[in-house]
Amino acid sequence: MLLQPHAFAEPLPNVEINFGNGGEQPGTSALSILLLITVLSVAPAILVLMTSFTRIVIVLGFVRTSLGTQQMPPNQVLIGLAMFLTFFIMAPTLSQVNEVALQPYLKGEVSQTQALEAAAVPMKKFMFSHTREKDLLLFMNYTKAEKPESFEDIPITVLVPAYAISELKTAFQMGFMIFIPFLVIDMIVASTLMAMGMMMLPPVMISLPFKLLLFVLVDGWYLIVKSLLLSFNP
């Protein structure tokens, strides 16, 4: 059976999908969605810099590098451990944020702006207690801001980078202390191999078992995690 030409003569119906109310100007909804996606993509990085995650993940990375075990433990294990330790350390602060900001906002007692301002106070208190005065003054002097009376008056745009570089310095100091015993083992093994004339044998193949043995005997993971927890004591 042949199809008649008039079978496709009727036009297809138009389909339109609108976001938001119809009174908005053209392009407003699309712009709002774009801004929302941008904020959501940047928010995780900001939250990472405002918590204890930075110090923990860097120290755990130094542990793996000093052991010389390449990709063992894997990145997924280190990041997962760092995240759970972060939740554990930040639990008091996050509980306070939930109490003074999130719950009142969900109950409709405060506006979104008031909730954000209330949530910033516990986070500022945590970051300020672990920020060096020198790092804080660096950004305060750059912005030519007036001397704040308390940590609540410090702008979040100043406190976050100051806290971040303070955490980086602390993490690298802890990493240096972790490297020392393993560096001594590498030097002893390398000197022994050279004295025996075994220059073609890579020292890493000999030193790695000794470093793993030392790390296991001293219960290294316990000591590392204990040091991290104690470093965040107020």
N, C-alpha and C. Protein backbone atom coordinates (compact mmCIF):
# COMPACT_ATOMS: atom_id res chain seq x y z
N MET A 1 0.85 -1.20 0.00
CA MET A 1 0.00 0.00 0.00
C MET A 1 0.88 1.24 0.00
N LEU A 2 0.65 2.11 -0.97
CA LEU A 2 1.47 3.31 -1.10
C LEU A 2 0.94 4.39 -0.17
N LEU A 3 1.89 5.14 0.46
CA LEU A 3 1.51 6.24 1.32
C LEU A 3 1.12 7.45 0.49
N GLN A 4 0.03 8.11 0.85
CA GLN A 4 -0.42 9.29 0.13
C GLN A 4 0.40 10.51 0.56
N PRO A 5 0.61 11.46 -0.35
CA PRO A 5 1.42 12.64 0.01
C PRO A 5 0.82 13.45 1.13
N HIS A 6 -0.58 13.41 1.26
CA HIS A 6 -1.18 14.27 2.27
C HIS A 6 -1.08 13.65 3.67
N ALA A 7 -0.46 12.44 3.77
CA ALA A 7 -0.37 11.80 5.08
C ALA A 7 0.52 12.57 6.04
N PHE A 8 1.51 13.28 5.51
CA PHE A 8 2.44 14.05 6.35
C PHE A 8 2.23 15.55 6.18
N ALA A 9 1.07 15.93 5.69
CA ALA A 9 0.81 17.35 5.45
C ALA A 9 0.60 18.13 6.73
N GLU A 10 0.06 17.49 7.79
CA GLU A 10 -0.21 18.19 9.03
C GLU A 10 1.11 18.42 9.79
N PRO A 11 1.32 19.64 10.27
CA PRO A 11 2.57 19.94 11.00
C PRO A 11 2.59 19.25 12.35
N LEU A 12 3.80 18.96 12.84
CA LEU A 12 3.98 18.35 14.16
C LEU A 12 3.68 19.39 15.25
N PRO A 13 3.11 18.98 16.36
CA PRO A 13 2.81 19.93 17.45
C PRO A 13 4.09 20.44 18.09
N ASN A 14 4.07 21.72 18.50
CA ASN A 14 5.21 22.32 19.18
C ASN A 14 5.22 21.93 20.65
N VAL A 15 6.41 21.62 21.17
CA VAL A 15 6.57 21.25 22.57
C VAL A 15 7.52 22.25 23.22
N GLU A 16 7.09 22.89 24.29
CA GLU A 16 7.91 23.87 25.00
C GLU A 16 8.05 23.45 26.45
N ILE A 17 9.27 23.61 27.00
CA ILE A 17 9.54 23.31 28.40
C ILE A 17 10.04 24.58 29.06
N ASN A 18 9.32 25.04 30.08
CA ASN A 18 9.67 26.28 30.78
C ASN A 18 10.06 25.96 32.21
N PHE A 19 11.10 26.64 32.70
CA PHE A 19 11.54 26.54 34.09
C PHE A 19 11.15 27.82 34.81
N GLY A 20 10.62 27.68 36.03
CA GLY A 20 10.23 28.85 36.79
C GLY A 20 8.88 29.36 36.35
N ASN A 21 8.50 30.55 36.85
CA ASN A 21 7.21 31.10 36.45
C ASN A 21 7.32 31.80 35.11
N GLY A 22 6.19 31.98 34.49
CA GLY A 22 6.19 32.53 33.14
C GLY A 22 6.45 34.00 33.08
N GLY A 23 6.49 34.69 34.24
CA GLY A 23 6.68 36.13 34.21
C GLY A 23 8.12 36.55 34.09
N GLU A 24 9.09 35.62 34.12
CA GLU A 24 10.50 35.97 34.06
C GLU A 24 10.90 36.35 32.65
N GLN A 25 11.92 37.16 32.58
CA GLN A 25 12.45 37.56 31.29
C GLN A 25 13.11 36.39 30.59
N PRO A 26 13.13 36.37 29.25
CA PRO A 26 13.77 35.27 28.52
C PRO A 26 15.25 35.16 28.89
N GLY A 27 15.67 33.95 29.22
CA GLY A 27 17.07 33.70 29.55
C GLY A 27 17.37 33.76 31.03
N THR A 28 16.40 34.28 31.84
CA THR A 28 16.66 34.40 33.27
C THR A 28 16.80 33.04 33.92
N SER A 29 15.90 32.11 33.58
CA SER A 29 15.94 30.78 34.18
C SER A 29 17.21 30.04 33.78
N ALA A 30 17.58 30.12 32.52
CA ALA A 30 18.79 29.46 32.06
C ALA A 30 20.02 30.01 32.77
N LEU A 31 20.03 31.34 33.00
CA LEU A 31 21.16 31.94 33.70
C LEU A 31 21.20 31.49 35.16
N SER A 32 20.03 31.36 35.77
CA SER A 32 19.98 30.90 37.16
C SER A 32 20.49 29.48 37.29
N ILE A 33 20.11 28.62 36.34
CA ILE A 33 20.57 27.24 36.36
C ILE A 33 22.08 27.18 36.16
N LEU A 34 22.61 28.02 35.27
CA LEU A 34 24.06 28.06 35.03
C LEU A 34 24.81 28.49 36.28
N LEU A 35 24.29 29.51 36.97
CA LEU A 35 24.93 29.97 38.20
C LEU A 35 24.86 28.91 39.28
N LEU A 36 23.73 28.20 39.35
CA LEU A 36 23.59 27.14 40.35
C LEU A 36 24.58 26.01 40.11
N ILE A 37 24.75 25.62 38.84
CA ILE A 37 25.70 24.56 38.51
C ILE A 37 27.13 25.00 38.83
N THR A 38 27.43 26.28 38.57
CA THR A 38 28.76 26.80 38.88
C THR A 38 29.05 26.77 40.37
N VAL A 39 28.07 27.18 41.17
CA VAL A 39 28.25 27.17 42.62
C VAL A 39 28.42 25.76 43.15
N LEU A 40 27.61 24.82 42.62
CA LEU A 40 27.71 23.43 43.08
C LEU A 40 29.04 22.80 42.70
N SER A 41 29.63 23.22 41.60
CA SER A 41 30.92 22.66 41.19
C SER A 41 32.07 23.22 42.02
N VAL A 42 31.92 24.44 42.51
CA VAL A 42 32.98 25.07 43.31
C VAL A 42 32.83 24.76 44.79
N ALA A 43 31.59 24.51 45.23
CA ALA A 43 31.32 24.31 46.66
C ALA A 43 32.15 23.20 47.29
N PRO A 44 32.30 22.01 46.66
CA PRO A 44 33.13 20.96 47.30
C PRO A 44 34.56 21.40 47.57
N ALA A 45 35.16 22.13 46.64
CA ALA A 45 36.53 22.59 46.85
C ALA A 45 36.60 23.57 48.02
N ILE A 46 35.58 24.45 48.12
CA ILE A 46 35.56 25.42 49.21
C ILE A 46 35.39 24.70 50.55
N LEU A 47 34.48 23.72 50.59
CA LEU A 47 34.24 23.00 51.83
C LEU A 47 35.47 22.20 52.25
N VAL A 48 36.21 21.66 51.27
CA VAL A 48 37.43 20.91 51.60
C VAL A 48 38.46 21.82 52.27
N LEU A 49 38.56 23.06 51.80
CA LEU A 49 39.54 23.99 52.36
C LEU A 49 39.10 24.54 53.71
N MET A 50 37.85 24.37 54.08
CA MET A 50 37.34 24.89 55.34
C MET A 50 37.29 23.83 56.44
N THR A 51 37.73 22.63 56.14
CA THR A 51 37.69 21.53 57.10
C THR A 51 39.09 20.98 57.33
N SER A 52 39.17 19.89 58.06
CA SER A 52 40.46 19.26 58.36
C SER A 52 40.92 18.33 57.25
N PHE A 53 40.19 18.25 56.16
CA PHE A 53 40.49 17.28 55.10
C PHE A 53 41.87 17.53 54.49
N THR A 54 42.21 18.79 54.29
CA THR A 54 43.47 19.12 53.60
C THR A 54 44.68 18.55 54.34
N ARG A 55 44.74 18.81 55.65
CA ARG A 55 45.88 18.32 56.43
C ARG A 55 45.94 16.80 56.44
N ILE A 56 44.79 16.17 56.61
CA ILE A 56 44.76 14.71 56.74
C ILE A 56 45.20 14.04 55.45
N VAL A 57 44.67 14.45 54.33
CA VAL A 57 44.98 13.77 53.07
C VAL A 57 46.43 14.00 52.67
N ILE A 58 47.00 15.16 52.99
CA ILE A 58 48.41 15.41 52.66
C ILE A 58 49.32 14.55 53.53
N VAL A 59 49.02 14.44 54.81
CA VAL A 59 49.84 13.61 55.70
C VAL A 59 49.77 12.15 55.29
N LEU A 60 48.58 11.66 54.96
CA LEU A 60 48.46 10.27 54.50
C LEU A 60 49.22 10.06 53.19
N GLY A 61 49.23 11.06 52.33
CA GLY A 61 50.01 10.96 51.10
C GLY A 61 51.51 10.90 51.38
N PHE A 62 51.98 11.66 52.36
CA PHE A 62 53.39 11.61 52.75
C PHE A 62 53.75 10.24 53.32
N VAL A 63 52.83 9.64 54.06
CA VAL A 63 53.10 8.30 54.60
C VAL A 63 53.35 7.31 53.48
N ARG A 64 52.49 7.34 52.47
CA ARG A 64 52.66 6.40 51.36
C ARG A 64 53.94 6.68 50.58
N THR A 65 54.25 7.95 50.39
CA THR A 65 55.47 8.30 49.65
C THR A 65 56.72 7.90 50.42
N SER A 66 56.74 8.13 51.73
CA SER A 66 57.91 7.78 52.52
C SER A 66 58.12 6.27 52.59
N LEU A 67 57.03 5.51 52.56
CA LEU A 67 57.18 4.06 52.54
C LEU A 67 57.69 3.56 51.19
N GLY A 68 57.39 4.31 50.13
CA GLY A 68 57.83 3.89 48.80
C GLY A 68 57.03 2.74 48.24
N THR A 69 55.76 2.65 48.63
CA THR A 69 54.92 1.53 48.17
C THR A 69 54.13 1.86 46.92
N GLN A 70 54.50 2.93 46.23
CA GLN A 70 53.85 3.34 44.98
C GLN A 70 52.37 3.63 45.22
N GLN A 71 51.47 2.80 44.69
CA GLN A 71 50.03 3.03 44.80
C GLN A 71 49.37 2.16 45.87
N MET A 72 50.05 1.87 46.90
CA MET A 72 49.51 1.04 47.96
C MET A 72 49.76 1.73 49.31
N PRO A 73 48.70 2.12 50.03
CA PRO A 73 47.27 1.93 49.74
C PRO A 73 46.80 2.78 48.55
N PRO A 74 45.74 2.35 47.88
CA PRO A 74 45.25 3.09 46.72
C PRO A 74 44.70 4.46 47.12
N ASN A 75 44.56 5.32 46.11
CA ASN A 75 44.03 6.67 46.37
C ASN A 75 42.63 6.62 46.97
N GLN A 76 41.81 5.66 46.52
CA GLN A 76 40.45 5.58 47.04
C GLN A 76 40.44 5.30 48.54
N VAL A 77 41.38 4.46 48.99
CA VAL A 77 41.44 4.14 50.42
C VAL A 77 41.90 5.34 51.22
N LEU A 78 42.92 6.04 50.75
CA LEU A 78 43.43 7.21 51.48
C LEU A 78 42.38 8.32 51.54
N ILE A 79 41.72 8.59 50.42
CA ILE A 79 40.71 9.65 50.40
C ILE A 79 39.51 9.26 51.27
N GLY A 80 39.11 7.97 51.20
CA GLY A 80 38.01 7.52 52.05
C GLY A 80 38.34 7.65 53.52
N LEU A 81 39.55 7.24 53.91
CA LEU A 81 39.97 7.37 55.30
C LEU A 81 40.04 8.84 55.71
N ALA A 82 40.54 9.69 54.82
CA ALA A 82 40.62 11.12 55.12
C ALA A 82 39.23 11.72 55.30
N MET A 83 38.27 11.29 54.50
CA MET A 83 36.91 11.82 54.61
C MET A 83 36.27 11.41 55.94
N PHE A 84 36.41 10.15 56.34
CA PHE A 84 35.80 9.71 57.59
C PHE A 84 36.48 10.35 58.80
N LEU A 85 37.81 10.52 58.73
CA LEU A 85 38.49 11.24 59.81
C LEU A 85 38.04 12.70 59.87
N THR A 86 37.79 13.29 58.69
CA THR A 86 37.29 14.66 58.65
C THR A 86 35.92 14.77 59.30
N PHE A 87 35.03 13.82 58.99
CA PHE A 87 33.70 13.83 59.62
C PHE A 87 33.82 13.66 61.14
N PHE A 88 34.75 12.83 61.57
CA PHE A 88 34.94 12.60 63.00
C PHE A 88 35.44 13.85 63.71
N ILE A 89 36.43 14.52 63.11
CA ILE A 89 37.02 15.70 63.72
C ILE A 89 36.05 16.89 63.67
N MET A 90 35.33 17.01 62.56
CA MET A 90 34.43 18.14 62.38
C MET A 90 33.06 17.92 63.00
N ALA A 91 32.83 16.78 63.64
CA ALA A 91 31.50 16.48 64.18
C ALA A 91 30.99 17.54 65.15
N PRO A 92 31.79 18.00 66.12
CA PRO A 92 31.27 19.06 67.02
C PRO A 92 30.91 20.34 66.28
N THR A 93 31.75 20.74 65.33
CA THR A 93 31.47 21.96 64.57
C THR A 93 30.23 21.81 63.70
N LEU A 94 30.12 20.67 63.01
CA LEU A 94 28.96 20.44 62.15
C LEU A 94 27.68 20.32 62.97
N SER A 95 27.77 19.75 64.16
CA SER A 95 26.60 19.68 65.03
C SER A 95 26.13 21.07 65.43
N GLN A 96 27.09 21.95 65.68
CA GLN A 96 26.73 23.32 66.04
C GLN A 96 26.11 24.05 64.85
N VAL A 97 26.65 23.80 63.66
CA VAL A 97 26.07 24.40 62.45
C VAL A 97 24.64 23.92 62.25
N ASN A 98 24.42 22.64 62.47
CA ASN A 98 23.07 22.09 62.33
C ASN A 98 22.11 22.69 63.36
N GLU A 99 22.62 22.94 64.56
CA GLU A 99 21.75 23.44 65.63
C GLU A 99 21.39 24.91 65.46
N VAL A 100 22.37 25.74 65.06
CA VAL A 100 22.12 27.18 65.02
C VAL A 100 21.69 27.69 63.65
N ALA A 101 21.88 26.88 62.61
CA ALA A 101 21.58 27.38 61.26
C ALA A 101 20.63 26.47 60.48
N LEU A 102 20.97 25.19 60.35
CA LEU A 102 20.19 24.33 59.47
C LEU A 102 18.79 24.07 59.99
N GLN A 103 18.69 23.66 61.25
CA GLN A 103 17.37 23.36 61.81
C GLN A 103 16.45 24.58 61.87
N PRO A 104 16.92 25.75 62.32
CA PRO A 104 16.05 26.93 62.25
C PRO A 104 15.61 27.28 60.84
N TYR A 105 16.50 27.07 59.85
CA TYR A 105 16.12 27.37 58.47
C TYR A 105 15.07 26.40 57.95
N LEU A 106 15.22 25.11 58.28
CA LEU A 106 14.24 24.12 57.84
C LEU A 106 12.87 24.36 58.49
N LYS A 107 12.88 24.90 59.71
CA LYS A 107 11.62 25.19 60.40
C LYS A 107 11.02 26.52 59.98
N GLY A 108 11.73 27.26 59.13
CA GLY A 108 11.22 28.54 58.65
C GLY A 108 11.38 29.67 59.64
N GLU A 109 12.25 29.51 60.63
CA GLU A 109 12.42 30.54 61.65
C GLU A 109 13.37 31.64 61.19
N VAL A 110 14.28 31.32 60.28
CA VAL A 110 15.24 32.31 59.77
C VAL A 110 15.26 32.23 58.26
N SER A 111 15.75 33.28 57.64
CA SER A 111 15.88 33.31 56.19
C SER A 111 17.17 32.61 55.76
N GLN A 112 17.33 32.46 54.45
CA GLN A 112 18.53 31.79 53.94
C GLN A 112 19.79 32.58 54.27
N THR A 113 19.71 33.90 54.15
CA THR A 113 20.87 34.74 54.46
C THR A 113 21.25 34.66 55.93
N GLN A 114 20.25 34.68 56.80
CA GLN A 114 20.52 34.57 58.23
C GLN A 114 21.09 33.20 58.59
N ALA A 115 20.61 32.16 57.91
CA ALA A 115 21.13 30.82 58.17
C ALA A 115 22.59 30.71 57.76
N LEU A 116 22.94 31.30 56.62
CA LEU A 116 24.33 31.25 56.17
C LEU A 116 25.24 32.02 57.12
N GLU A 117 24.77 33.17 57.61
CA GLU A 117 25.57 33.94 58.55
C GLU A 117 25.76 33.19 59.86
N ALA A 118 24.70 32.51 60.31
CA ALA A 118 24.81 31.73 61.55
C ALA A 118 25.72 30.52 61.37
N ALA A 119 25.67 29.88 60.20
CA ALA A 119 26.51 28.72 59.95
C ALA A 119 27.98 29.10 59.82
N ALA A 120 28.25 30.33 59.41
CA ALA A 120 29.65 30.75 59.22
C ALA A 120 30.37 30.93 60.54
N VAL A 121 29.64 31.21 61.62
CA VAL A 121 30.29 31.47 62.92
C VAL A 121 31.04 30.25 63.45
N PRO A 122 30.40 29.06 63.55
CA PRO A 122 31.17 27.88 64.02
C PRO A 122 32.33 27.52 63.10
N MET A 123 32.13 27.66 61.78
CA MET A 123 33.21 27.35 60.84
C MET A 123 34.37 28.34 61.02
N LYS A 124 34.04 29.61 61.22
CA LYS A 124 35.09 30.60 61.45
C LYS A 124 35.85 30.30 62.74
N LYS A 125 35.12 29.90 63.77
CA LYS A 125 35.77 29.58 65.05
C LYS A 125 36.75 28.43 64.89
N PHE A 126 36.36 27.39 64.13
CA PHE A 126 37.25 26.25 63.91
C PHE A 126 38.49 26.66 63.12
N MET A 127 38.27 27.39 62.02
CA MET A 127 39.40 27.78 61.18
C MET A 127 40.32 28.75 61.90
N PHE A 128 39.75 29.67 62.66
CA PHE A 128 40.57 30.67 63.36
C PHE A 128 41.47 30.01 64.41
N SER A 129 40.97 28.96 65.05
CA SER A 129 41.76 28.28 66.09
C SER A 129 42.94 27.52 65.50
N HIS A 130 42.96 27.27 64.20
CA HIS A 130 44.05 26.53 63.56
C HIS A 130 44.77 27.37 62.50
N THR A 131 44.59 28.67 62.56
CA THR A 131 45.23 29.57 61.59
C THR A 131 46.33 30.36 62.28
N ARG A 132 47.47 30.41 61.66
CA ARG A 132 48.58 31.19 62.22
C ARG A 132 48.32 32.69 62.03
N GLU A 133 48.75 33.43 63.03
CA GLU A 133 48.54 34.89 62.98
C GLU A 133 49.27 35.50 61.79
N LYS A 134 50.45 34.98 61.47
CA LYS A 134 51.22 35.51 60.35
C LYS A 134 50.47 35.33 59.04
N ASP A 135 49.86 34.17 58.83
CA ASP A 135 49.11 33.92 57.60
C ASP A 135 47.86 34.79 57.53
N LEU A 136 47.22 34.98 58.67
CA LEU A 136 46.02 35.81 58.70
C LEU A 136 46.35 37.27 58.41
N LEU A 137 47.46 37.76 58.98
CA LEU A 137 47.85 39.15 58.74
C LEU A 137 48.24 39.38 57.28
N LEU A 138 48.74 38.35 56.61
CA LEU A 138 49.12 38.48 55.21
C LEU A 138 47.92 38.92 54.37
N PHE A 139 46.79 38.26 54.55
CA PHE A 139 45.61 38.59 53.76
C PHE A 139 44.88 39.81 54.31
N MET A 140 44.94 40.03 55.62
CA MET A 140 44.32 41.23 56.19
C MET A 140 45.03 42.49 55.70
N ASN A 141 46.36 42.45 55.66
CA ASN A 141 47.11 43.61 55.19
C ASN A 141 46.92 43.83 53.69
N TYR A 142 46.77 42.74 52.95
CA TYR A 142 46.58 42.89 51.50
C TYR A 142 45.24 43.57 51.18
N THR A 143 44.20 43.22 51.93
CA THR A 143 42.89 43.83 51.71
C THR A 143 42.74 45.16 52.42
N LYS A 144 43.76 45.54 53.24
CA LYS A 144 43.72 46.80 53.99
C LYS A 144 42.47 46.88 54.87
N ALA A 145 42.11 45.74 55.43
CA ALA A 145 40.94 45.69 56.30
C ALA A 145 41.30 46.15 57.70
N GLU A 146 40.31 46.68 58.40
CA GLU A 146 40.52 47.13 59.77
C GLU A 146 40.72 45.93 60.70
N LYS A 147 41.42 46.17 61.80
CA LYS A 147 41.68 45.09 62.74
C LYS A 147 40.37 44.61 63.36
N PRO A 148 40.05 43.34 63.22
CA PRO A 148 38.78 42.85 63.77
C PRO A 148 38.84 42.72 65.29
N GLU A 149 37.70 42.89 65.92
CA GLU A 149 37.62 42.75 67.37
C GLU A 149 37.57 41.29 67.80
N SER A 150 37.00 40.42 66.96
CA SER A 150 36.92 38.99 67.25
C SER A 150 36.95 38.22 65.94
N PHE A 151 37.01 36.90 66.03
CA PHE A 151 37.07 36.09 64.81
C PHE A 151 35.79 36.21 63.99
N GLU A 152 34.69 36.59 64.63
CA GLU A 152 33.43 36.72 63.90
C GLU A 152 33.46 37.89 62.92
N ASP A 153 34.32 38.86 63.17
CA ASP A 153 34.41 40.03 62.29
C ASP A 153 35.36 39.82 61.12
N ILE A 154 36.08 38.70 61.09
CA ILE A 154 37.02 38.43 59.99
C ILE A 154 36.22 37.96 58.77
N PRO A 155 36.41 38.58 57.62
CA PRO A 155 35.68 38.13 56.42
C PRO A 155 36.06 36.69 56.05
N ILE A 156 35.08 35.96 55.58
CA ILE A 156 35.32 34.56 55.22
C ILE A 156 36.29 34.46 54.05
N THR A 157 36.31 35.49 53.18
CA THR A 157 37.24 35.50 52.04
C THR A 157 38.68 35.67 52.47
N VAL A 158 38.90 36.17 53.68
CA VAL A 158 40.25 36.32 54.23
C VAL A 158 40.63 35.10 55.05
N LEU A 159 39.69 34.58 55.81
CA LEU A 159 40.00 33.49 56.73
C LEU A 159 40.26 32.18 56.00
N VAL A 160 39.52 31.90 54.92
CA VAL A 160 39.67 30.62 54.22
C VAL A 160 41.07 30.45 53.62
N PRO A 161 41.59 31.41 52.83
CA PRO A 161 42.96 31.20 52.30
C PRO A 161 44.02 31.19 53.38
N ALA A 162 43.84 32.01 54.45
CA ALA A 162 44.81 31.99 55.54
C ALA A 162 44.81 30.64 56.23
N TYR A 163 43.64 30.08 56.44
CA TYR A 163 43.55 28.75 57.05
C TYR A 163 44.15 27.69 56.14
N ALA A 164 43.95 27.82 54.84
CA ALA A 164 44.45 26.83 53.89
C ALA A 164 45.97 26.76 53.90
N ILE A 165 46.64 27.91 53.85
CA ILE A 165 48.11 27.87 53.82
C ILE A 165 48.67 27.46 55.18
N SER A 166 47.94 27.76 56.26
CA SER A 166 48.37 27.28 57.58
C SER A 166 48.30 25.76 57.64
N GLU A 167 47.23 25.20 57.08
CA GLU A 167 47.10 23.75 57.04
C GLU A 167 48.17 23.10 56.18
N LEU A 168 48.51 23.73 55.07
CA LEU A 168 49.56 23.19 54.21
C LEU A 168 50.91 23.15 54.94
N LYS A 169 51.22 24.23 55.66
CA LYS A 169 52.48 24.26 56.39
C LYS A 169 52.52 23.20 57.48
N THR A 170 51.41 23.07 58.22
CA THR A 170 51.36 22.06 59.28
C THR A 170 51.48 20.66 58.71
N ALA A 171 50.80 20.40 57.60
CA ALA A 171 50.85 19.08 56.97
C ALA A 171 52.26 18.76 56.49
N PHE A 172 52.96 19.74 55.93
CA PHE A 172 54.32 19.48 55.45
C PHE A 172 55.28 19.29 56.61
N GLN A 173 55.06 19.97 57.73
CA GLN A 173 55.90 19.74 58.91
C GLN A 173 55.72 18.32 59.43
N MET A 174 54.48 17.85 59.47
CA MET A 174 54.23 16.48 59.91
C MET A 174 54.81 15.48 58.91
N GLY A 175 54.71 15.80 57.62
CA GLY A 175 55.28 14.93 56.60
C GLY A 175 56.79 14.81 56.71
N PHE A 176 57.45 15.92 57.05
CA PHE A 176 58.91 15.89 57.23
C PHE A 176 59.30 14.96 58.38
N MET A 177 58.56 15.03 59.48
CA MET A 177 58.85 14.16 60.62
C MET A 177 58.60 12.69 60.28
N ILE A 178 57.64 12.43 59.41
CA ILE A 178 57.38 11.05 58.99
C ILE A 178 58.50 10.52 58.11
N PHE A 179 59.08 11.39 57.30
CA PHE A 179 60.12 10.97 56.36
C PHE A 179 61.42 10.56 57.05
N ILE A 180 61.73 11.16 58.20
CA ILE A 180 63.06 10.99 58.81
C ILE A 180 63.42 9.53 59.08
N PRO A 181 62.60 8.73 59.78
CA PRO A 181 63.03 7.34 60.06
C PRO A 181 63.19 6.50 58.79
N PHE A 182 62.34 6.73 57.81
CA PHE A 182 62.45 5.95 56.57
C PHE A 182 63.66 6.39 55.76
N LEU A 183 64.01 7.68 55.84
CA LEU A 183 65.22 8.16 55.16
C LEU A 183 66.46 7.54 55.78
N VAL A 184 66.47 7.38 57.08
CA VAL A 184 67.60 6.75 57.76
C VAL A 184 67.76 5.31 57.28
N ILE A 185 66.67 4.59 57.14
CA ILE A 185 66.73 3.20 56.66
C ILE A 185 67.29 3.16 55.24
N ASP A 186 66.83 4.08 54.38
CA ASP A 186 67.34 4.12 53.00
C ASP A 186 68.84 4.38 52.98
N MET A 187 69.32 5.29 53.81
CA MET A 187 70.74 5.61 53.84
C MET A 187 71.56 4.43 54.35
N ILE A 188 71.07 3.75 55.37
CA ILE A 188 71.81 2.59 55.90
C ILE A 188 71.89 1.48 54.86
N VAL A 189 70.79 1.21 54.19
CA VAL A 189 70.77 0.15 53.17
C VAL A 189 71.67 0.51 52.01
N ALA A 190 71.60 1.77 51.54
CA ALA A 190 72.44 2.19 50.42
C ALA A 190 73.92 2.11 50.79
N SER A 191 74.28 2.53 52.00
CA SER A 191 75.69 2.47 52.42
C SER A 191 76.16 1.03 52.54
N THR A 192 75.30 0.15 53.02
CA THR A 192 75.67 -1.26 53.17
C THR A 192 75.88 -1.91 51.82
N LEU A 193 75.02 -1.61 50.87
CA LEU A 193 75.16 -2.20 49.53
C LEU A 193 76.43 -1.70 48.85
N MET A 194 76.75 -0.42 49.02
CA MET A 194 77.97 0.11 48.41
C MET A 194 79.20 -0.51 49.06
N ALA A 195 79.18 -0.73 50.37
CA ALA A 195 80.32 -1.34 51.05
C ALA A 195 80.52 -2.78 50.61
N MET A 196 79.42 -3.45 50.25
CA MET A 196 79.51 -4.83 49.79
C MET A 196 79.79 -4.92 48.29
N GLY A 197 79.85 -3.79 47.62
CA GLY A 197 80.13 -3.78 46.19
C GLY A 197 78.93 -4.15 45.33
N MET A 198 77.76 -4.15 45.88
CA MET A 198 76.54 -4.51 45.13
C MET A 198 75.88 -3.23 44.62
N MET A 199 76.57 -2.55 43.73
CA MET A 199 76.08 -1.26 43.23
C MET A 199 74.95 -1.41 42.22
N MET A 200 74.84 -2.55 41.58
CA MET A 200 73.81 -2.74 40.56
C MET A 200 72.46 -3.11 41.17
N LEU A 201 72.43 -3.44 42.43
CA LEU A 201 71.18 -3.82 43.10
C LEU A 201 70.49 -2.55 43.60
N PRO A 202 69.26 -2.30 43.17
CA PRO A 202 68.53 -1.09 43.63
C PRO A 202 68.32 -1.13 45.14
N PRO A 203 68.72 -0.08 45.85
CA PRO A 203 68.53 -0.08 47.31
C PRO A 203 67.06 -0.16 47.72
N VAL A 204 66.15 0.29 46.84
CA VAL A 204 64.72 0.28 47.20
C VAL A 204 64.22 -1.15 47.42
N MET A 205 64.73 -2.09 46.64
CA MET A 205 64.28 -3.47 46.77
C MET A 205 64.65 -4.04 48.14
N ILE A 206 65.72 -3.58 48.71
CA ILE A 206 66.15 -4.08 50.02
C ILE A 206 65.53 -3.28 51.16
N SER A 207 65.42 -1.95 50.96
CA SER A 207 64.94 -1.10 52.06
C SER A 207 63.42 -1.20 52.25
N LEU A 208 62.69 -1.49 51.19
CA LEU A 208 61.23 -1.53 51.31
C LEU A 208 60.74 -2.53 52.34
N PRO A 209 61.22 -3.78 52.34
CA PRO A 209 60.75 -4.71 53.39
C PRO A 209 61.08 -4.24 54.80
N PHE A 210 62.26 -3.63 54.98
CA PHE A 210 62.63 -3.14 56.31
C PHE A 210 61.73 -1.97 56.74
N LYS A 211 61.39 -1.10 55.80
CA LYS A 211 60.51 0.02 56.14
C LYS A 211 59.11 -0.48 56.47
N LEU A 212 58.63 -1.46 55.73
CA LEU A 212 57.31 -2.03 56.05
C LEU A 212 57.33 -2.73 57.41
N LEU A 213 58.43 -3.44 57.68
CA LEU A 213 58.55 -4.12 58.97
C LEU A 213 58.56 -3.12 60.12
N LEU A 214 59.32 -2.04 59.96
CA LEU A 214 59.36 -1.01 61.00
C LEU A 214 57.99 -0.38 61.20
N PHE A 215 57.31 -0.09 60.10
CA PHE A 215 56.00 0.57 60.17
C PHE A 215 54.98 -0.32 60.87
N VAL A 216 55.06 -1.62 60.62
CA VAL A 216 54.12 -2.55 61.25
C VAL A 216 54.44 -2.74 62.72
N LEU A 217 55.73 -2.84 63.06
CA LEU A 217 56.12 -3.09 64.45
C LEU A 217 55.75 -1.93 65.37
N VAL A 218 55.86 -0.69 64.87
CA VAL A 218 55.52 0.46 65.70
C VAL A 218 54.05 0.83 65.61
N ASP A 219 53.26 0.03 64.86
CA ASP A 219 51.84 0.31 64.66
C ASP A 219 51.68 1.71 64.06
N GLY A 220 52.24 1.85 62.85
CA GLY A 220 52.34 3.16 62.22
C GLY A 220 51.02 3.86 61.97
N TRP A 221 50.01 3.11 61.50
CA TRP A 221 48.73 3.76 61.19
C TRP A 221 48.09 4.32 62.45
N TYR A 222 48.23 3.61 63.54
CA TYR A 222 47.69 4.10 64.82
C TYR A 222 48.39 5.40 65.23
N LEU A 223 49.71 5.43 65.10
CA LEU A 223 50.45 6.62 65.49
C LEU A 223 50.13 7.81 64.58
N ILE A 224 49.97 7.54 63.27
CA ILE A 224 49.66 8.63 62.35
C ILE A 224 48.29 9.23 62.65
N VAL A 225 47.29 8.36 62.80
CA VAL A 225 45.94 8.85 63.08
C VAL A 225 45.88 9.54 64.43
N LYS A 226 46.58 9.00 65.43
CA LYS A 226 46.62 9.64 66.75
C LYS A 226 47.24 11.03 66.67
N SER A 227 48.32 11.15 65.91
CA SER A 227 48.96 12.47 65.75
C SER A 227 48.03 13.46 65.05
N LEU A 228 47.30 12.99 64.06
CA LEU A 228 46.36 13.87 63.37
C LEU A 228 45.25 14.34 64.30
N LEU A 229 44.71 13.42 65.09
CA LEU A 229 43.63 13.80 66.01
C LEU A 229 44.12 14.78 67.07
N LEU A 230 45.33 14.53 67.60
CA LEU A 230 45.86 15.42 68.62
C LEU A 230 46.21 16.80 68.05
N SER A 231 46.56 16.84 66.76
CA SER A 231 46.92 18.13 66.16
C SER A 231 45.73 19.06 66.01
N PHE A 232 44.50 18.51 66.08
CA PHE A 232 43.30 19.34 65.96
C PHE A 232 42.65 19.62 67.31
N ASN A 233 43.32 19.25 68.40
CA ASN A 233 42.79 19.61 69.70
C ASN A 233 42.81 21.12 69.88
N PRO A 234 41.73 21.70 70.44
CA PRO A 234 41.71 23.16 70.61
C PRO A 234 42.74 23.61 71.63
